[in-house]
Amino acid sequence: MTASIEFTVESPGGPRTASVTYERVGRGEPLLLLHGIGHHWQAWEPVLSALSAERDVIAVDLPGFGASPGLPDGVSYDLGSVVPVLAALCEKLGVDRPHVAGNSLGGLLALELGREKLVRSVTALSPAGFWTQAERRYAFATLRGMRAGATAAPLPLIERLSKSAAGRAALTGTIYAKPGRRTPEAVVAETLALRESTGFWPTLAAGRTVRFRDDVPDIPVTVAWGTRDRLLVRRQGVRSKGVIPGARLVRLPGCGHVPMNDDPALVARVVLDTSR
């Protein structure tokens, strides 16, 4: 069931009202799903069925992405602000310390939620924040290029490209190893989500100084990386193990930066294994 919810968040100017759109399905222990920059909750659709068989799944459109409006005035897009927003969302939904799985930006947020002891387990798929400065500059330049392409392309062209495997590769091949598996409708929707996301530029700006440097002790943590990730190269996964020595590091063979599409069964198994 897709729904929107309003809740109160703190800002330097006092309490503000935030709104988030989310999909909730399944039953069991709660599992929060967080997507990457420029994406939307539908990035998780390939694994929703498997996850919801065992978990109460809440897939979120992060503020300023998908159908969620941007953050209220006075609330920034840095980790110190977005993590409390997600905590306030969980409180409003009546969810106490969910499991969390995140991809890219969502993986970084998931690890921060774990570090703050706000969740009971973390699965981070190609999380941001383990880059060198050169790797970050490359990733950000790629993201800016993707945004520019999505913004410049007229809708009829996007729709026409989405109808062929080659066209889907042109639109989404940077983040998927197997873009031909995406449906035309999904490719059109996520291309539009990228170009219409009000949170894209402030999130990118906030990420310029981000490095994840702290351990996440006392809870299960899995960091998983696709072997064909073209955006955040997989050696960053090895680097993450040095920062979070207790984490389980998992290789996702044949998967790109957004692995839920490339191997749904493997990704679902990794998330469920961690949350068990």
C-alpha atoms as a PDB file:
ATOM      1  CA  MET A   1       0.000   0.000   0.000  1.00  0.00           C
ATOM      2  CA  THR A   2       1.444   3.354  -1.046  1.00  0.00           C
ATOM      3  CA  ALA A   3       0.701   6.214   1.326  1.00  0.00           C
ATOM      4  CA  SER A   4       1.998   9.576   2.506  1.00  0.00           C
ATOM      5  CA  ILE A   5       2.520  10.640   6.081  1.00  0.00           C
ATOM      6  CA  GLU A   6       3.252  13.938   7.791  1.00  0.00           C
ATOM      7  CA  PHE A   7       5.330  14.246  10.934  1.00  0.00           C
ATOM      8  CA  THR A   8       7.228  16.841  12.918  1.00  0.00           C
ATOM      9  CA  VAL A   9      10.974  17.386  12.648  1.00  0.00           C
ATOM     10  CA  GLU A  10      13.237  19.794  14.472  1.00  0.00           C
ATOM     11  CA  SER A  11      15.069  22.610  12.731  1.00  0.00           C
ATOM     12  CA  PRO A  12      17.169  25.553  13.952  1.00  0.00           C
ATOM     13  CA  GLY A  13      14.061  27.708  13.557  1.00  0.00           C
ATOM     14  CA  GLY A  14      11.833  25.367  15.531  1.00  0.00           C
ATOM     15  CA  PRO A  15       9.576  22.414  14.692  1.00  0.00           C
ATOM     16  CA  ARG A  16       8.666  21.896  11.030  1.00  0.00           C
ATOM     17  CA  THR A  17       6.312  19.519   9.237  1.00  0.00           C
ATOM     18  CA  ALA A  18       7.840  16.981   6.867  1.00  0.00           C
ATOM     19  CA  SER A  19       6.015  14.600   4.520  1.00  0.00           C
ATOM     20  CA  VAL A  20       7.187  11.272   3.114  1.00  0.00           C
ATOM     21  CA  THR A  21       5.665   8.828   0.624  1.00  0.00           C
ATOM     22  CA  TYR A  22       6.232   5.145   1.258  1.00  0.00           C
ATOM     23  CA  GLU A  23       5.128   1.664   0.260  1.00  0.00           C
ATOM     24  CA  ARG A  24       4.284  -0.760   3.091  1.00  0.00           C
ATOM     25  CA  VAL A  25       3.677  -4.461   2.561  1.00  0.00           C
ATOM     26  CA  GLY A  26       4.113  -7.766   4.388  1.00  0.00           C
ATOM     27  CA  ARG A  27       4.230  -8.803   8.010  1.00  0.00           C
ATOM     28  CA  GLY A  28       6.859  -9.681  10.561  1.00  0.00           C
ATOM     29  CA  GLU A  29       9.671  -7.606  12.027  1.00  0.00           C
ATOM     30  CA  PRO A  30       9.881  -4.152  10.401  1.00  0.00           C
ATOM     31  CA  LEU A  31      12.368  -3.575   7.586  1.00  0.00           C
ATOM     32  CA  LEU A  32      13.058  -0.053   6.311  1.00  0.00           C
ATOM     33  CA  LEU A  33      14.314   0.250   2.696  1.00  0.00           C
ATOM     34  CA  LEU A  34      16.237   3.335   1.539  1.00  0.00           C
ATOM     35  CA  HIS A  35      17.117   4.107  -2.095  1.00  0.00           C
ATOM     36  CA  GLY A  36      19.989   6.057  -3.632  1.00  0.00           C
ATOM     37  CA  ILE A  37      20.298   9.640  -4.853  1.00  0.00           C
ATOM     38  CA  GLY A  38      17.948  10.504  -7.712  1.00  0.00           C
ATOM     39  CA  HIS A  39      16.007   7.262  -7.350  1.00  0.00           C
ATOM     40  CA  HIS A  40      12.710   6.307  -5.690  1.00  0.00           C
ATOM     41  CA  TRP A  41      11.296   3.482  -3.582  1.00  0.00           C
ATOM     42  CA  GLN A  42      10.444   1.487  -6.715  1.00  0.00           C
ATOM     43  CA  ALA A  43      14.147   0.621  -6.990  1.00  0.00           C
ATOM     44  CA  TRP A  44      13.280  -2.087  -4.440  1.00  0.00           C
ATOM     45  CA  GLU A  45      10.336  -3.559  -6.367  1.00  0.00           C
ATOM     46  CA  PRO A  46      12.306  -6.579  -7.672  1.00  0.00           C
ATOM     47  CA  VAL A  47      12.859  -7.814  -4.084  1.00  0.00           C
ATOM     48  CA  LEU A  48       9.645  -6.678  -2.378  1.00  0.00           C
ATOM     49  CA  SER A  49       7.843  -9.984  -2.780  1.00  0.00           C
ATOM     50  CA  ALA A  50      10.663 -12.021  -1.241  1.00  0.00           C
ATOM     51  CA  LEU A  51      11.278  -9.566   1.589  1.00  0.00           C
ATOM     52  CA  SER A  52       7.619  -9.048   2.470  1.00  0.00           C
ATOM     53  CA  ALA A  53       7.129 -12.798   2.904  1.00  0.00           C
ATOM     54  CA  GLU A  54       9.119 -12.486   6.143  1.00  0.00           C
ATOM     55  CA  ARG A  55       9.159  -8.785   7.022  1.00  0.00           C
ATOM     56  CA  ASP A  56       6.899  -5.777   7.447  1.00  0.00           C
ATOM     57  CA  VAL A  57       8.568  -3.844   4.620  1.00  0.00           C
ATOM     58  CA  ILE A  58       8.520  -0.036   4.495  1.00  0.00           C
ATOM     59  CA  ALA A  59      10.111   1.271   1.281  1.00  0.00           C
ATOM     60  CA  VAL A  60      10.593   5.022   1.529  1.00  0.00           C
ATOM     61  CA  ASP A  61      10.836   7.841  -0.991  1.00  0.00           C
ATOM     62  CA  LEU A  62      13.513   9.899   0.748  1.00  0.00           C
ATOM     63  CA  PRO A  63      12.653  13.601   1.203  1.00  0.00           C
ATOM     64  CA  GLY A  64      13.128  15.429  -2.081  1.00  0.00           C
ATOM     65  CA  PHE A  65      13.018  12.225  -4.138  1.00  0.00           C
ATOM     66  CA  GLY A  66      10.271  10.238  -5.821  1.00  0.00           C
ATOM     67  CA  ALA A  67       6.867  11.429  -4.652  1.00  0.00           C
ATOM     68  CA  SER A  68       8.163  12.879  -1.368  1.00  0.00           C
ATOM     69  CA  PRO A  69       8.398  16.682  -1.191  1.00  0.00           C
ATOM     70  CA  GLY A  70      11.639  18.305  -0.195  1.00  0.00           C
ATOM     71  CA  LEU A  71      12.684  18.889   3.375  1.00  0.00           C
ATOM     72  CA  PRO A  72      11.088  21.835   5.181  1.00  0.00           C
ATOM     73  CA  ASP A  73      12.832  25.211   5.189  1.00  0.00           C
ATOM     74  CA  GLY A  74      15.672  25.213   7.662  1.00  0.00           C
ATOM     75  CA  VAL A  75      16.309  21.461   7.469  1.00  0.00           C
ATOM     76  CA  SER A  76      19.439  20.567   5.497  1.00  0.00           C
ATOM     77  CA  TYR A  77      20.194  17.443   3.466  1.00  0.00           C
ATOM     78  CA  ASP A  78      23.268  16.436   5.434  1.00  0.00           C
ATOM     79  CA  LEU A  79      23.484  13.253   7.504  1.00  0.00           C
ATOM     80  CA  GLY A  80      23.013  15.127  10.760  1.00  0.00           C
ATOM     81  CA  SER A  81      19.583  16.282   9.602  1.00  0.00           C
ATOM     82  CA  VAL A  82      18.288  13.425   7.431  1.00  0.00           C
ATOM     83  CA  VAL A  83      18.974  10.675   9.993  1.00  0.00           C
ATOM     84  CA  PRO A  84      16.762  12.371  12.642  1.00  0.00           C
ATOM     85  CA  VAL A  85      14.103  12.843   9.957  1.00  0.00           C
ATOM     86  CA  LEU A  86      14.104   9.093   9.320  1.00  0.00           C
ATOM     87  CA  ALA A  87      13.989   8.434  13.069  1.00  0.00           C
ATOM     88  CA  ALA A  88      10.977  10.749  13.361  1.00  0.00           C
ATOM     89  CA  LEU A  89       9.308   8.943  10.450  1.00  0.00           C
ATOM     90  CA  CYS A  90       9.757   5.576  12.170  1.00  0.00           C
ATOM     91  CA  GLU A  91       8.335   6.967  15.398  1.00  0.00           C
ATOM     92  CA  LYS A  92       5.305   8.331  13.550  1.00  0.00           C
ATOM     93  CA  LEU A  93       4.768   4.932  11.893  1.00  0.00           C
ATOM     94  CA  GLY A  94       4.982   3.202  15.256  1.00  0.00           C
ATOM     95  CA  VAL A  95       8.132   1.310  14.251  1.00  0.00           C
ATOM     96  CA  ASP A  96      10.721   0.761  16.977  1.00  0.00           C
ATOM     97  CA  ARG A  97      14.282   0.028  15.810  1.00  0.00           C
ATOM     98  CA  PRO A  98      13.549  -1.578  12.432  1.00  0.00           C
ATOM     99  CA  HIS A  99      16.011  -3.542  10.390  1.00  0.00           C
ATOM    100  CA  VAL A 100      17.271  -1.317   7.594  1.00  0.00           C
ATOM    101  CA  ALA A 101      18.645  -1.954   4.113  1.00  0.00           C
ATOM    102  CA  GLY A 102      19.922   0.855   1.930  1.00  0.00           C
ATOM    103  CA  ASN A 103      21.550   1.305  -1.448  1.00  0.00           C
ATOM    104  CA  SER A 104      24.163   3.975  -2.262  1.00  0.00           C
ATOM    105  CA  LEU A 105      23.010   7.127  -0.418  1.00  0.00           C
ATOM    106  CA  GLY A 106      20.497   4.891   1.327  1.00  0.00           C
ATOM    107  CA  GLY A 107      23.324   2.571   2.388  1.00  0.00           C
ATOM    108  CA  LEU A 108      25.192   5.470   3.966  1.00  0.00           C
ATOM    109  CA  LEU A 109      22.013   6.548   5.785  1.00  0.00           C
ATOM    110  CA  ALA A 110      21.459   2.957   6.928  1.00  0.00           C
ATOM    111  CA  LEU A 111      24.953   2.816   8.417  1.00  0.00           C
ATOM    112  CA  GLU A 112      24.401   6.140  10.183  1.00  0.00           C
ATOM    113  CA  LEU A 113      21.140   4.838  11.625  1.00  0.00           C
ATOM    114  CA  GLY A 114      23.079   1.826  12.863  1.00  0.00           C
ATOM    115  CA  ARG A 115      25.815   3.957  14.361  1.00  0.00           C
ATOM    116  CA  GLU A 116      23.147   5.925  16.244  1.00  0.00           C
ATOM    117  CA  LYS A 117      21.630   2.646  17.558  1.00  0.00           C
ATOM    118  CA  LEU A 118      18.297   3.468  15.874  1.00  0.00           C
ATOM    119  CA  VAL A 119      18.006   0.123  14.044  1.00  0.00           C
ATOM    120  CA  ARG A 120      18.533  -3.529  14.883  1.00  0.00           C
ATOM    121  CA  SER A 121      20.514  -4.581  11.789  1.00  0.00           C
ATOM    122  CA  VAL A 122      22.019  -2.905   8.704  1.00  0.00           C
ATOM    123  CA  THR A 123      22.422  -4.135   5.142  1.00  0.00           C
ATOM    124  CA  ALA A 124      24.310  -1.580   3.044  1.00  0.00           C
ATOM    125  CA  LEU A 125      24.436  -2.192  -0.721  1.00  0.00           C
ATOM    126  CA  SER A 126      27.265  -0.203  -2.359  1.00  0.00           C
ATOM    127  CA  PRO A 127      27.022   2.486   0.332  1.00  0.00           C
ATOM    128  CA  ALA A 128      28.390   5.961  -0.268  1.00  0.00           C
ATOM    129  CA  GLY A 129      31.078   7.359   1.986  1.00  0.00           C
ATOM    130  CA  PHE A 130      34.010   4.935   1.571  1.00  0.00           C
ATOM    131  CA  TRP A 131      35.532   6.758  -1.365  1.00  0.00           C
ATOM    132  CA  THR A 132      38.797   8.586  -1.886  1.00  0.00           C
ATOM    133  CA  GLN A 133      38.422  12.165  -3.054  1.00  0.00           C
ATOM    134  CA  ALA A 134      39.217  11.092  -6.621  1.00  0.00           C
ATOM    135  CA  GLU A 135      36.583   8.346  -6.475  1.00  0.00           C
ATOM    136  CA  ARG A 136      34.031  10.780  -5.067  1.00  0.00           C
ATOM    137  CA  ARG A 137      34.724  13.324  -7.803  1.00  0.00           C
ATOM    138  CA  TYR A 138      34.307  10.626 -10.448  1.00  0.00           C
ATOM    139  CA  ALA A 139      31.002   9.424  -8.918  1.00  0.00           C
ATOM    140  CA  PHE A 140      29.627  12.952  -8.581  1.00  0.00           C
ATOM    141  CA  ALA A 141      30.603  13.861 -12.138  1.00  0.00           C
ATOM    142  CA  THR A 142      28.836  10.703 -13.357  1.00  0.00           C
ATOM    143  CA  LEU A 143      25.726  11.578 -11.350  1.00  0.00           C
ATOM    144  CA  ARG A 144      25.715  15.126 -12.708  1.00  0.00           C
ATOM    145  CA  GLY A 145      25.963  13.727 -16.232  1.00  0.00           C
ATOM    146  CA  MET A 146      23.076  11.335 -15.597  1.00  0.00           C
ATOM    147  CA  ARG A 147      20.950  14.179 -14.257  1.00  0.00           C
ATOM    148  CA  ALA A 148      21.817  16.398 -17.229  1.00  0.00           C
ATOM    149  CA  GLY A 149      20.888  13.646 -19.672  1.00  0.00           C
ATOM    150  CA  ALA A 150      17.593  12.954 -17.915  1.00  0.00           C
ATOM    151  CA  THR A 151      16.771  16.667 -17.855  1.00  0.00           C
ATOM    152  CA  ALA A 152      17.645  17.300 -21.501  1.00  0.00           C
ATOM    153  CA  ALA A 153      15.812  14.337 -23.011  1.00  0.00           C
ATOM    154  CA  PRO A 154      12.187  15.059 -23.977  1.00  0.00           C
ATOM    155  CA  LEU A 155       9.624  12.599 -22.654  1.00  0.00           C
ATOM    156  CA  PRO A 156       8.793  11.121 -26.106  1.00  0.00           C
ATOM    157  CA  LEU A 157      12.484  10.275 -26.592  1.00  0.00           C
ATOM    158  CA  ILE A 158      12.705   8.648 -23.144  1.00  0.00           C
ATOM    159  CA  GLU A 159       9.611   6.593 -23.888  1.00  0.00           C
ATOM    160  CA  ARG A 160      10.973   5.545 -27.281  1.00  0.00           C
ATOM    161  CA  LEU A 161      14.360   4.541 -25.844  1.00  0.00           C
ATOM    162  CA  SER A 162      12.728   2.550 -23.055  1.00  0.00           C
ATOM    163  CA  LYS A 163      11.102   0.199 -25.564  1.00  0.00           C
ATOM    164  CA  SER A 164      14.396  -1.456 -26.588  1.00  0.00           C
ATOM    165  CA  ALA A 165      17.096  -3.183 -24.566  1.00  0.00           C
ATOM    166  CA  ALA A 166      19.704  -0.893 -26.111  1.00  0.00           C
ATOM    167  CA  GLY A 167      17.668   2.174 -25.182  1.00  0.00           C
ATOM    168  CA  ARG A 168      17.199   0.974 -21.603  1.00  0.00           C
ATOM    169  CA  ALA A 169      20.952   0.447 -21.411  1.00  0.00           C
ATOM    170  CA  ALA A 170      21.541   4.004 -22.633  1.00  0.00           C
ATOM    171  CA  LEU A 171      19.209   5.384 -19.959  1.00  0.00           C
ATOM    172  CA  THR A 172      20.142   3.208 -16.973  1.00  0.00           C
ATOM    173  CA  GLY A 173      23.290   1.237 -17.845  1.00  0.00           C
ATOM    174  CA  THR A 174      25.392   3.263 -15.415  1.00  0.00           C
ATOM    175  CA  ILE A 175      23.561   1.852 -12.404  1.00  0.00           C
ATOM    176  CA  TYR A 176      22.408  -1.574 -13.634  1.00  0.00           C
ATOM    177  CA  ALA A 177      24.576  -4.392 -14.937  1.00  0.00           C
ATOM    178  CA  LYS A 178      21.508  -5.854 -16.647  1.00  0.00           C
ATOM    179  CA  PRO A 179      19.389  -2.849 -17.666  1.00  0.00           C
ATOM    180  CA  GLY A 180      17.521  -4.902 -20.253  1.00  0.00           C
ATOM    181  CA  ARG A 181      15.696  -6.603 -17.388  1.00  0.00           C
ATOM    182  CA  ARG A 182      13.983  -3.359 -16.427  1.00  0.00           C
ATOM    183  CA  THR A 183      10.526  -2.837 -17.881  1.00  0.00           C
ATOM    184  CA  PRO A 184       9.995   0.143 -20.182  1.00  0.00           C
ATOM    185  CA  GLU A 185       7.581   1.628 -17.641  1.00  0.00           C
ATOM    186  CA  ALA A 186      10.127   1.329 -14.825  1.00  0.00           C
ATOM    187  CA  VAL A 187      12.868   2.954 -16.902  1.00  0.00           C
ATOM    188  CA  VAL A 188      10.662   5.903 -17.854  1.00  0.00           C
ATOM    189  CA  ALA A 189       9.551   6.359 -14.234  1.00  0.00           C
ATOM    190  CA  GLU A 190      13.060   6.309 -12.789  1.00  0.00           C
ATOM    191  CA  THR A 191      14.416   8.631 -15.476  1.00  0.00           C
ATOM    192  CA  LEU A 192      11.696  11.123 -14.601  1.00  0.00           C
ATOM    193  CA  ALA A 193      12.382  10.599 -10.877  1.00  0.00           C
ATOM    194  CA  LEU A 194      16.023  11.507 -11.479  1.00  0.00           C
ATOM    195  CA  ARG A 195      15.287  14.717 -13.342  1.00  0.00           C
ATOM    196  CA  GLU A 196      12.468  15.862 -11.031  1.00  0.00           C
ATOM    197  CA  SER A 197      14.115  15.186  -7.659  1.00  0.00           C
ATOM    198  CA  THR A 198      14.281  18.455  -5.723  1.00  0.00           C
ATOM    199  CA  GLY A 199      16.723  16.912  -3.273  1.00  0.00           C
ATOM    200  CA  PHE A 200      19.339  16.005  -5.874  1.00  0.00           C
ATOM    201  CA  TRP A 201      21.510  19.112  -5.833  1.00  0.00           C
ATOM    202  CA  PRO A 202      21.406  19.829  -2.073  1.00  0.00           C
ATOM    203  CA  THR A 203      22.171  16.175  -1.347  1.00  0.00           C
ATOM    204  CA  LEU A 204      25.108  16.226  -3.767  1.00  0.00           C
ATOM    205  CA  ALA A 205      26.373  19.441  -2.170  1.00  0.00           C
ATOM    206  CA  ALA A 206      26.098  17.955   1.320  1.00  0.00           C
ATOM    207  CA  GLY A 207      28.029  14.883   0.187  1.00  0.00           C
ATOM    208  CA  ARG A 208      31.192  16.735  -0.824  1.00  0.00           C
ATOM    209  CA  THR A 209      32.747  16.334   2.618  1.00  0.00           C
ATOM    210  CA  VAL A 210      31.199  12.997   3.610  1.00  0.00           C
ATOM    211  CA  ARG A 211      33.436  10.103   4.647  1.00  0.00           C
ATOM    212  CA  PHE A 212      32.155   7.268   6.824  1.00  0.00           C
ATOM    213  CA  ARG A 213      34.845   6.878   9.481  1.00  0.00           C
ATOM    214  CA  ASP A 214      33.157   5.223  12.490  1.00  0.00           C
ATOM    215  CA  ASP A 215      32.477   1.647  13.506  1.00  0.00           C
ATOM    216  CA  VAL A 216      28.917   0.302  13.841  1.00  0.00           C
ATOM    217  CA  PRO A 217      29.245  -1.981  16.861  1.00  0.00           C
ATOM    218  CA  ASP A 218      26.776  -4.268  18.636  1.00  0.00           C
ATOM    219  CA  ILE A 219      24.396  -4.929  15.714  1.00  0.00           C
ATOM    220  CA  PRO A 220      24.648  -7.171  12.630  1.00  0.00           C
ATOM    221  CA  VAL A 221      26.056  -5.259   9.647  1.00  0.00           C
ATOM    222  CA  THR A 222      26.451  -6.518   6.087  1.00  0.00           C
ATOM    223  CA  VAL A 223      28.157  -4.490   3.378  1.00  0.00           C
ATOM    224  CA  ALA A 224      27.506  -5.918  -0.112  1.00  0.00           C
ATOM    225  CA  TRP A 225      29.068  -4.751  -3.379  1.00  0.00           C
ATOM    226  CA  GLY A 226      28.332  -5.629  -6.983  1.00  0.00           C
ATOM    227  CA  THR A 227      31.292  -6.860  -9.002  1.00  0.00           C
ATOM    228  CA  ARG A 228      30.119  -4.706 -11.929  1.00  0.00           C
ATOM    229  CA  ASP A 229      29.444  -1.500  -9.998  1.00  0.00           C
ATOM    230  CA  ARG A 230      30.451   1.315 -12.361  1.00  0.00           C
ATOM    231  CA  LEU A 231      29.582   4.204 -10.039  1.00  0.00           C
ATOM    232  CA  LEU A 232      31.183   3.302  -6.697  1.00  0.00           C
ATOM    233  CA  VAL A 233      33.943   0.864  -7.580  1.00  0.00           C
ATOM    234  CA  ARG A 234      34.078  -2.323  -5.519  1.00  0.00           C
ATOM    235  CA  ARG A 235      37.436  -1.675  -3.842  1.00  0.00           C
ATOM    236  CA  GLN A 236      35.453   0.719  -1.655  1.00  0.00           C
ATOM    237  CA  GLY A 237      33.792  -2.367  -0.188  1.00  0.00           C
ATOM    238  CA  VAL A 238      37.154  -3.695   0.952  1.00  0.00           C
ATOM    239  CA  ARG A 239      37.880  -0.275   2.440  1.00  0.00           C
ATOM    240  CA  SER A 240      34.595  -0.395   4.374  1.00  0.00           C
ATOM    241  CA  LYS A 241      35.748  -3.553   6.141  1.00  0.00           C
ATOM    242  CA  GLY A 242      38.627  -1.593   7.658  1.00  0.00           C
ATOM    243  CA  VAL A 243      36.213   0.988   9.038  1.00  0.00           C
ATOM    244  CA  ILE A 244      33.615  -1.534  10.260  1.00  0.00           C
ATOM    245  CA  PRO A 245      35.694  -4.589  11.177  1.00  0.00           C
ATOM    246  CA  GLY A 246      32.699  -6.559  12.467  1.00  0.00           C
ATOM    247  CA  ALA A 247      30.779  -6.222   9.227  1.00  0.00           C
ATOM    248  CA  ARG A 248      30.137  -9.135   6.899  1.00  0.00           C
ATOM    249  CA  LEU A 249      31.449  -8.219   3.446  1.00  0.00           C
ATOM    250  CA  VAL A 250      29.515  -9.886   0.623  1.00  0.00           C
ATOM    251  CA  ARG A 251      30.372 -10.009  -3.064  1.00  0.00           C
ATOM    252  CA  LEU A 252      27.442  -9.725  -5.497  1.00  0.00           C
ATOM    253  CA  PRO A 253      28.633 -11.407  -8.708  1.00  0.00           C
ATOM    254  CA  GLY A 254      27.403  -9.815 -11.924  1.00  0.00           C
ATOM    255  CA  CYS A 255      25.591  -6.967 -10.147  1.00  0.00           C
ATOM    256  CA  GLY A 256      25.841  -3.260 -10.777  1.00  0.00           C
ATOM    257  CA  HIS A 257      25.431  -0.294  -8.474  1.00  0.00           C
ATOM    258  CA  VAL A 258      21.713  -0.951  -7.914  1.00  0.00           C
ATOM    259  CA  PRO A 259      21.833  -4.741  -7.479  1.00  0.00           C
ATOM    260  CA  MET A 260      18.177  -5.343  -6.589  1.00  0.00           C
ATOM    261  CA  ASN A 261      17.345  -5.483 -10.300  1.00  0.00           C
ATOM    262  CA  ASP A 262      20.371  -7.489 -11.384  1.00  0.00           C
ATOM    263  CA  ASP A 263      19.985 -10.415  -8.954  1.00  0.00           C
ATOM    264  CA  PRO A 264      16.811 -10.070  -6.855  1.00  0.00           C
ATOM    265  CA  ALA A 265      17.088 -13.521  -5.257  1.00  0.00           C
ATOM    266  CA  LEU A 266      20.653 -12.934  -4.077  1.00  0.00           C
ATOM    267  CA  VAL A 267      19.943  -9.451  -2.730  1.00  0.00           C
ATOM    268  CA  ALA A 268      16.816 -10.608  -0.892  1.00  0.00           C
ATOM    269  CA  ARG A 269      18.775 -13.465   0.664  1.00  0.00           C
ATOM    270  CA  VAL A 270      21.551 -11.124   1.822  1.00  0.00           C
ATOM    271  CA  VAL A 271      19.055  -8.718   3.425  1.00  0.00           C
ATOM    272  CA  LEU A 272      17.052 -11.465   5.125  1.00  0.00           C
ATOM    273  CA  ASP A 273      20.168 -13.273   6.357  1.00  0.00           C
ATOM    274  CA  THR A 274      21.369 -10.060   8.002  1.00  0.00           C
ATOM    275  CA  SER A 275      17.994  -9.306   9.568  1.00  0.00           C
ATOM    276  CA  ARG A 276      17.737 -12.827  11.003  1.00  0.00           C
END
